[in-house]
Amino acid sequence: MLIVVRHGRTALNAQGRLQGRVDAELDEVGRLQAEALARAVIAQVGKVSEIVCSPLTRARQTAQAFGGTAQVDERWIELDYGVLDGKPLGEVPPDVWHRWRDDPTFAPDGGESHQQLHRRVHDACAELAEVARRRHVVVVTHVSPIKSAVTWALGLDGTVPWRGFVEQASITRITVDDQGPVLRTFGETAHLVGLVR
């Protein structure tokens, strides 16, 4: 099974800013979320034999909570927001949001399109699929790659999953069998209930 998880919270997440390639560390809440996330996954599947993560610090720190050594894979890095990186969500012009969500080929200046994101994430998913048939693989990544992994599992076009929400430290599960990938769960967060007051 592919267990695709989002990293814990950072200060930029808490401030409602686009984070993209900004290499922020987990904040105190994010560290608690990472620990709860790892406990929840391990409680359900036992010791994780393979961990893959984005190269960004927030993902690597979350991966550390699982124990063992994570293999860094650049294909799981967050979408490149280009000139929008670090901006508050409310400062992104509505026409840019609409264009970005509706046109998979659109990219902000210096950024990456969803089409480019899908190519790299779908390749990474396909590569892990054979391993995920036999054992549990945890992938620690970001919002956009998780949504892209969902498009891979469901065989959807690139605009559909942008209507979904991916919480910090959430769990998405994809099984792989002879019929191909199957989305089992999306955005599990029960392990985070009551974590922060």
C-alpha atoms as a PDB file:
ATOM      1  CA  MET A   1       0.000   0.000   0.000  1.00  0.00           C
ATOM      2  CA  LEU A   2       1.107   3.554  -0.712  1.00  0.00           C
ATOM      3  CA  ILE A   3       0.520   5.647   2.401  1.00  0.00           C
ATOM      4  CA  VAL A   4       0.865   9.226   1.201  1.00  0.00           C
ATOM      5  CA  VAL A   5       1.032  11.760   4.027  1.00  0.00           C
ATOM      6  CA  ARG A   6       1.324  15.501   4.273  1.00  0.00           C
ATOM      7  CA  HIS A   7       4.012  17.042   6.472  1.00  0.00           C
ATOM      8  CA  GLY A   8       3.180  18.726   9.771  1.00  0.00           C
ATOM      9  CA  ARG A   9       2.519  22.439  10.183  1.00  0.00           C
ATOM     10  CA  THR A  10       5.069  25.210   9.683  1.00  0.00           C
ATOM     11  CA  ALA A  11       4.873  28.865  10.700  1.00  0.00           C
ATOM     12  CA  LEU A  12       4.029  29.761   7.080  1.00  0.00           C
ATOM     13  CA  ASN A  13       1.136  27.274   7.117  1.00  0.00           C
ATOM     14  CA  ALA A  14      -0.128  28.871  10.327  1.00  0.00           C
ATOM     15  CA  GLN A  15       0.067  32.315   8.677  1.00  0.00           C
ATOM     16  CA  GLY A  16      -1.925  31.176   5.621  1.00  0.00           C
ATOM     17  CA  ARG A  17       0.900  31.663   3.127  1.00  0.00           C
ATOM     18  CA  LEU A  18       1.760  29.739  -0.006  1.00  0.00           C
ATOM     19  CA  GLN A  19       4.818  27.725   0.892  1.00  0.00           C
ATOM     20  CA  GLY A  20       5.865  25.956  -2.286  1.00  0.00           C
ATOM     21  CA  ARG A  21       9.626  25.672  -2.388  1.00  0.00           C
ATOM     22  CA  VAL A  22      10.254  27.846   0.691  1.00  0.00           C
ATOM     23  CA  ASP A  23      12.264  25.492   2.887  1.00  0.00           C
ATOM     24  CA  ALA A  24      10.584  26.036   6.260  1.00  0.00           C
ATOM     25  CA  GLU A  25      10.930  23.852   9.349  1.00  0.00           C
ATOM     26  CA  LEU A  26       8.062  22.374  11.324  1.00  0.00           C
ATOM     27  CA  ASP A  27       6.795  24.557  14.139  1.00  0.00           C
ATOM     28  CA  GLU A  28       5.933  23.145  17.583  1.00  0.00           C
ATOM     29  CA  VAL A  29       2.458  22.102  16.452  1.00  0.00           C
ATOM     30  CA  GLY A  30       3.936  20.525  13.329  1.00  0.00           C
ATOM     31  CA  ARG A  31       6.293  18.387  15.398  1.00  0.00           C
ATOM     32  CA  LEU A  32       3.370  17.141  17.519  1.00  0.00           C
ATOM     33  CA  GLN A  33       1.400  16.427  14.336  1.00  0.00           C
ATOM     34  CA  ALA A  34       4.311  14.471  12.841  1.00  0.00           C
ATOM     35  CA  GLU A  35       4.569  12.310  15.962  1.00  0.00           C
ATOM     36  CA  ALA A  36       0.796  11.648  16.019  1.00  0.00           C
ATOM     37  CA  LEU A  37       0.838  10.868  12.302  1.00  0.00           C
ATOM     38  CA  ALA A  38       3.645   8.332  12.641  1.00  0.00           C
ATOM     39  CA  ARG A  39       1.976   6.694  15.671  1.00  0.00           C
ATOM     40  CA  ALA A  40      -1.305   6.356  13.757  1.00  0.00           C
ATOM     41  CA  VAL A  41       0.280   4.779  10.693  1.00  0.00           C
ATOM     42  CA  ILE A  42       2.500   2.419  12.707  1.00  0.00           C
ATOM     43  CA  ALA A  43      -0.456   1.373  14.889  1.00  0.00           C
ATOM     44  CA  GLN A  44      -2.363   0.334  11.775  1.00  0.00           C
ATOM     45  CA  VAL A  45       0.340  -1.262   9.610  1.00  0.00           C
ATOM     46  CA  GLY A  46       3.223  -2.018  11.977  1.00  0.00           C
ATOM     47  CA  LYS A  47       6.804  -1.031  11.334  1.00  0.00           C
ATOM     48  CA  VAL A  48       7.164   0.806   8.049  1.00  0.00           C
ATOM     49  CA  SER A  49       9.731  -0.851   5.811  1.00  0.00           C
ATOM     50  CA  GLU A  50      10.151   1.935   3.281  1.00  0.00           C
ATOM     51  CA  ILE A  51       9.902   5.717   3.649  1.00  0.00           C
ATOM     52  CA  VAL A  52      10.193   8.140   0.743  1.00  0.00           C
ATOM     53  CA  CYS A  53      10.072  11.906   1.179  1.00  0.00           C
ATOM     54  CA  SER A  54      10.340  15.270  -0.483  1.00  0.00           C
ATOM     55  CA  PRO A  55      13.721  16.988  -0.118  1.00  0.00           C
ATOM     56  CA  LEU A  56      12.205  19.947   1.750  1.00  0.00           C
ATOM     57  CA  THR A  57      12.978  20.223   5.468  1.00  0.00           C
ATOM     58  CA  ARG A  58       9.355  20.076   6.655  1.00  0.00           C
ATOM     59  CA  ALA A  59       8.863  16.748   4.870  1.00  0.00           C
ATOM     60  CA  ARG A  60      12.188  15.300   6.046  1.00  0.00           C
ATOM     61  CA  GLN A  61      11.417  16.278   9.661  1.00  0.00           C
ATOM     62  CA  THR A  62       8.004  14.616   9.417  1.00  0.00           C
ATOM     63  CA  ALA A  63       9.597  11.481   7.916  1.00  0.00           C
ATOM     64  CA  GLN A  64      11.990  11.268  10.896  1.00  0.00           C
ATOM     65  CA  ALA A  65       9.019  10.611  13.185  1.00  0.00           C
ATOM     66  CA  PHE A  66       8.590   7.200  11.504  1.00  0.00           C
ATOM     67  CA  GLY A  67      12.102   6.102  12.459  1.00  0.00           C
ATOM     68  CA  GLY A  68      14.466   4.544   9.984  1.00  0.00           C
ATOM     69  CA  THR A  69      16.011   6.308   7.028  1.00  0.00           C
ATOM     70  CA  ALA A  70      13.920   8.099   4.428  1.00  0.00           C
ATOM     71  CA  GLN A  71      14.869   8.018   0.776  1.00  0.00           C
ATOM     72  CA  VAL A  72      14.658  11.544  -0.653  1.00  0.00           C
ATOM     73  CA  ASP A  73      12.924  11.731  -4.032  1.00  0.00           C
ATOM     74  CA  GLU A  74      12.838  15.144  -5.740  1.00  0.00           C
ATOM     75  CA  ARG A  75       9.653  14.201  -7.606  1.00  0.00           C
ATOM     76  CA  TRP A  76       7.676  14.521  -4.357  1.00  0.00           C
ATOM     77  CA  ILE A  77       8.665  18.183  -3.796  1.00  0.00           C
ATOM     78  CA  GLU A  78       5.849  20.740  -3.556  1.00  0.00           C
ATOM     79  CA  LEU A  79       4.542  22.558  -6.622  1.00  0.00           C
ATOM     80  CA  ASP A  80       6.742  25.527  -7.497  1.00  0.00           C
ATOM     81  CA  TYR A  81       4.621  28.642  -6.984  1.00  0.00           C
ATOM     82  CA  GLY A  82       7.243  30.871  -8.592  1.00  0.00           C
ATOM     83  CA  VAL A  83       6.675  34.570  -7.830  1.00  0.00           C
ATOM     84  CA  LEU A  84       3.750  33.618  -5.582  1.00  0.00           C
ATOM     85  CA  ASP A  85       5.890  31.613  -3.160  1.00  0.00           C
ATOM     86  CA  GLY A  86       5.539  32.950   0.378  1.00  0.00           C
ATOM     87  CA  LYS A  87       2.547  35.176  -0.442  1.00  0.00           C
ATOM     88  CA  PRO A  88      -0.557  35.155   1.769  1.00  0.00           C
ATOM     89  CA  LEU A  89      -3.334  33.165   0.091  1.00  0.00           C
ATOM     90  CA  GLY A  90      -5.597  36.228   0.151  1.00  0.00           C
ATOM     91  CA  GLU A  91      -3.115  38.225  -1.946  1.00  0.00           C
ATOM     92  CA  VAL A  92      -3.239  35.852  -4.904  1.00  0.00           C
ATOM     93  CA  PRO A  93      -5.534  37.511  -7.481  1.00  0.00           C
ATOM     94  CA  PRO A  94      -8.762  35.530  -8.079  1.00  0.00           C
ATOM     95  CA  ASP A  95      -8.135  35.368 -11.838  1.00  0.00           C
ATOM     96  CA  VAL A  96      -4.779  33.686 -11.178  1.00  0.00           C
ATOM     97  CA  TRP A  97      -6.444  31.084  -8.898  1.00  0.00           C
ATOM     98  CA  HIS A  98      -9.111  30.345 -11.521  1.00  0.00           C
ATOM     99  CA  ARG A  99      -6.640  30.050 -14.351  1.00  0.00           C
ATOM    100  CA  TRP A 100      -4.289  27.875 -12.311  1.00  0.00           C
ATOM    101  CA  ARG A 101      -7.080  25.518 -11.264  1.00  0.00           C
ATOM    102  CA  ASP A 102      -8.797  25.336 -14.678  1.00  0.00           C
ATOM    103  CA  ASP A 103      -5.805  25.214 -17.022  1.00  0.00           C
ATOM    104  CA  PRO A 104      -3.313  22.400 -16.258  1.00  0.00           C
ATOM    105  CA  THR A 105      -0.719  24.074 -18.509  1.00  0.00           C
ATOM    106  CA  PHE A 106      -0.757  27.424 -16.666  1.00  0.00           C
ATOM    107  CA  ALA A 107       2.147  28.332 -14.393  1.00  0.00           C
ATOM    108  CA  PRO A 108       2.792  31.607 -12.555  1.00  0.00           C
ATOM    109  CA  ASP A 109       5.996  33.437 -13.475  1.00  0.00           C
ATOM    110  CA  GLY A 110       8.943  31.275 -12.494  1.00  0.00           C
ATOM    111  CA  GLY A 111       6.606  28.490 -11.339  1.00  0.00           C
ATOM    112  CA  GLU A 112       5.399  25.077 -12.354  1.00  0.00           C
ATOM    113  CA  SER A 113       2.185  23.975 -14.058  1.00  0.00           C
ATOM    114  CA  HIS A 114      -0.054  21.207 -12.770  1.00  0.00           C
ATOM    115  CA  GLN A 115       0.750  19.316 -15.953  1.00  0.00           C
ATOM    116  CA  GLN A 116       4.452  19.343 -15.036  1.00  0.00           C
ATOM    117  CA  LEU A 117       3.585  18.309 -11.472  1.00  0.00           C
ATOM    118  CA  HIS A 118       1.464  15.392 -12.695  1.00  0.00           C
ATOM    119  CA  ARG A 119       4.223  14.071 -14.944  1.00  0.00           C
ATOM    120  CA  ARG A 120       6.745  13.821 -12.137  1.00  0.00           C
ATOM    121  CA  VAL A 121       4.354  12.574  -9.438  1.00  0.00           C
ATOM    122  CA  HIS A 122       2.671  10.017 -11.701  1.00  0.00           C
ATOM    123  CA  ASP A 123       6.124   8.690 -12.657  1.00  0.00           C
ATOM    124  CA  ALA A 124       7.033   8.423  -8.958  1.00  0.00           C
ATOM    125  CA  CYS A 125       3.746   6.627  -8.166  1.00  0.00           C
ATOM    126  CA  ALA A 126       4.191   4.174 -11.036  1.00  0.00           C
ATOM    127  CA  GLU A 127       7.728   3.423  -9.872  1.00  0.00           C
ATOM    128  CA  LEU A 128       6.549   2.701  -6.307  1.00  0.00           C
ATOM    129  CA  ALA A 129       3.496   0.709  -7.393  1.00  0.00           C
ATOM    130  CA  GLU A 130       5.258  -2.640  -7.646  1.00  0.00           C
ATOM    131  CA  VAL A 131       6.819  -2.256  -4.199  1.00  0.00           C
ATOM    132  CA  ALA A 132       3.454  -1.141  -2.770  1.00  0.00           C
ATOM    133  CA  ARG A 133       1.852  -4.400  -3.955  1.00  0.00           C
ATOM    134  CA  ARG A 134       4.004  -6.322  -1.470  1.00  0.00           C
ATOM    135  CA  ARG A 135       4.561  -3.966   1.445  1.00  0.00           C
ATOM    136  CA  HIS A 136       3.646  -0.607   2.954  1.00  0.00           C
ATOM    137  CA  VAL A 137       5.475   2.431   1.608  1.00  0.00           C
ATOM    138  CA  VAL A 138       5.097   5.797   3.341  1.00  0.00           C
ATOM    139  CA  VAL A 139       5.552   8.878   1.168  1.00  0.00           C
ATOM    140  CA  VAL A 140       5.933  12.164   3.063  1.00  0.00           C
ATOM    141  CA  THR A 141       5.091  15.054   0.785  1.00  0.00           C
ATOM    142  CA  HIS A 142       2.940  18.152   0.264  1.00  0.00           C
ATOM    143  CA  VAL A 143      -0.567  19.255  -0.761  1.00  0.00           C
ATOM    144  CA  SER A 144      -0.130  19.347  -4.530  1.00  0.00           C
ATOM    145  CA  PRO A 145       1.761  16.055  -4.937  1.00  0.00           C
ATOM    146  CA  ILE A 146      -0.886  14.323  -2.775  1.00  0.00           C
ATOM    147  CA  LYS A 147      -3.646  15.634  -5.036  1.00  0.00           C
ATOM    148  CA  SER A 148      -1.626  14.535  -8.043  1.00  0.00           C
ATOM    149  CA  ALA A 149      -1.213  11.035  -6.574  1.00  0.00           C
ATOM    150  CA  VAL A 150      -5.016  10.922  -6.250  1.00  0.00           C
ATOM    151  CA  THR A 151      -5.390  11.753  -9.967  1.00  0.00           C
ATOM    152  CA  TRP A 152      -2.987   8.882 -10.710  1.00  0.00           C
ATOM    153  CA  ALA A 153      -4.971   6.445  -8.546  1.00  0.00           C
ATOM    154  CA  LEU A 154      -8.363   7.442  -9.957  1.00  0.00           C
ATOM    155  CA  GLY A 155      -7.314   8.042 -13.558  1.00  0.00           C
ATOM    156  CA  LEU A 156      -8.730  11.567 -13.429  1.00  0.00           C
ATOM    157  CA  ASP A 157      -7.789  14.652 -15.373  1.00  0.00           C
ATOM    158  CA  GLY A 158      -5.611  17.177 -13.621  1.00  0.00           C
ATOM    159  CA  THR A 159      -8.285  19.697 -12.624  1.00  0.00           C
ATOM    160  CA  VAL A 160     -10.591  17.482 -10.514  1.00  0.00           C
ATOM    161  CA  PRO A 161      -8.608  17.047  -7.256  1.00  0.00           C
ATOM    162  CA  TRP A 162      -8.040  20.768  -6.777  1.00  0.00           C
ATOM    163  CA  ARG A 163     -11.554  20.759  -5.375  1.00  0.00           C
ATOM    164  CA  GLY A 164     -10.296  18.654  -2.443  1.00  0.00           C
ATOM    165  CA  PHE A 165      -8.630  19.800   0.781  1.00  0.00           C
ATOM    166  CA  VAL A 166      -5.530  18.173   2.258  1.00  0.00           C
ATOM    167  CA  GLU A 167      -4.975  18.884   5.956  1.00  0.00           C
ATOM    168  CA  GLN A 168      -1.504  19.013   7.497  1.00  0.00           C
ATOM    169  CA  ALA A 169      -0.321  15.612   8.748  1.00  0.00           C
ATOM    170  CA  SER A 170      -3.211  13.835   7.003  1.00  0.00           C
ATOM    171  CA  ILE A 171      -3.122  10.321   5.559  1.00  0.00           C
ATOM    172  CA  THR A 172      -4.170   9.186   2.066  1.00  0.00           C
ATOM    173  CA  ARG A 173      -4.012   5.472   1.255  1.00  0.00           C
ATOM    174  CA  ILE A 174      -3.686   3.907  -2.186  1.00  0.00           C
ATOM    175  CA  THR A 175      -3.633   0.149  -2.666  1.00  0.00           C
ATOM    176  CA  VAL A 176      -2.158  -1.436  -5.768  1.00  0.00           C
ATOM    177  CA  ASP A 177      -3.311  -4.795  -7.129  1.00  0.00           C
ATOM    178  CA  ASP A 178      -3.563  -6.569 -10.481  1.00  0.00           C
ATOM    179  CA  GLN A 179      -6.302  -4.158 -11.558  1.00  0.00           C
ATOM    180  CA  GLY A 180      -4.108  -1.118 -10.809  1.00  0.00           C
ATOM    181  CA  PRO A 181      -4.228   1.549  -8.099  1.00  0.00           C
ATOM    182  CA  VAL A 182      -7.293   2.059  -5.888  1.00  0.00           C
ATOM    183  CA  LEU A 183      -7.864   5.069  -3.626  1.00  0.00           C
ATOM    184  CA  ARG A 184      -8.788   3.605  -0.221  1.00  0.00           C
ATOM    185  CA  THR A 185      -8.893   6.753   1.923  1.00  0.00           C
ATOM    186  CA  PHE A 186      -8.308  10.462   1.416  1.00  0.00           C
ATOM    187  CA  GLY A 187      -7.195  12.996   4.011  1.00  0.00           C
ATOM    188  CA  GLU A 188      -7.573  10.987   7.244  1.00  0.00           C
ATOM    189  CA  THR A 189      -7.174  13.222  10.312  1.00  0.00           C
ATOM    190  CA  ALA A 190      -8.699  11.293  13.259  1.00  0.00           C
ATOM    191  CA  HIS A 191      -5.215  10.954  14.779  1.00  0.00           C
ATOM    192  CA  LEU A 192      -5.021  14.754  15.118  1.00  0.00           C
ATOM    193  CA  VAL A 193      -8.243  15.221  17.124  1.00  0.00           C
ATOM    194  CA  GLY A 194      -7.518  16.909  20.446  1.00  0.00           C
ATOM    195  CA  LEU A 195      -3.832  17.286  19.639  1.00  0.00           C
ATOM    196  CA  VAL A 196      -3.754  21.097  19.867  1.00  0.00           C
ATOM    197  CA  ARG A 197      -5.955  23.139  22.154  1.00  0.00           C
END
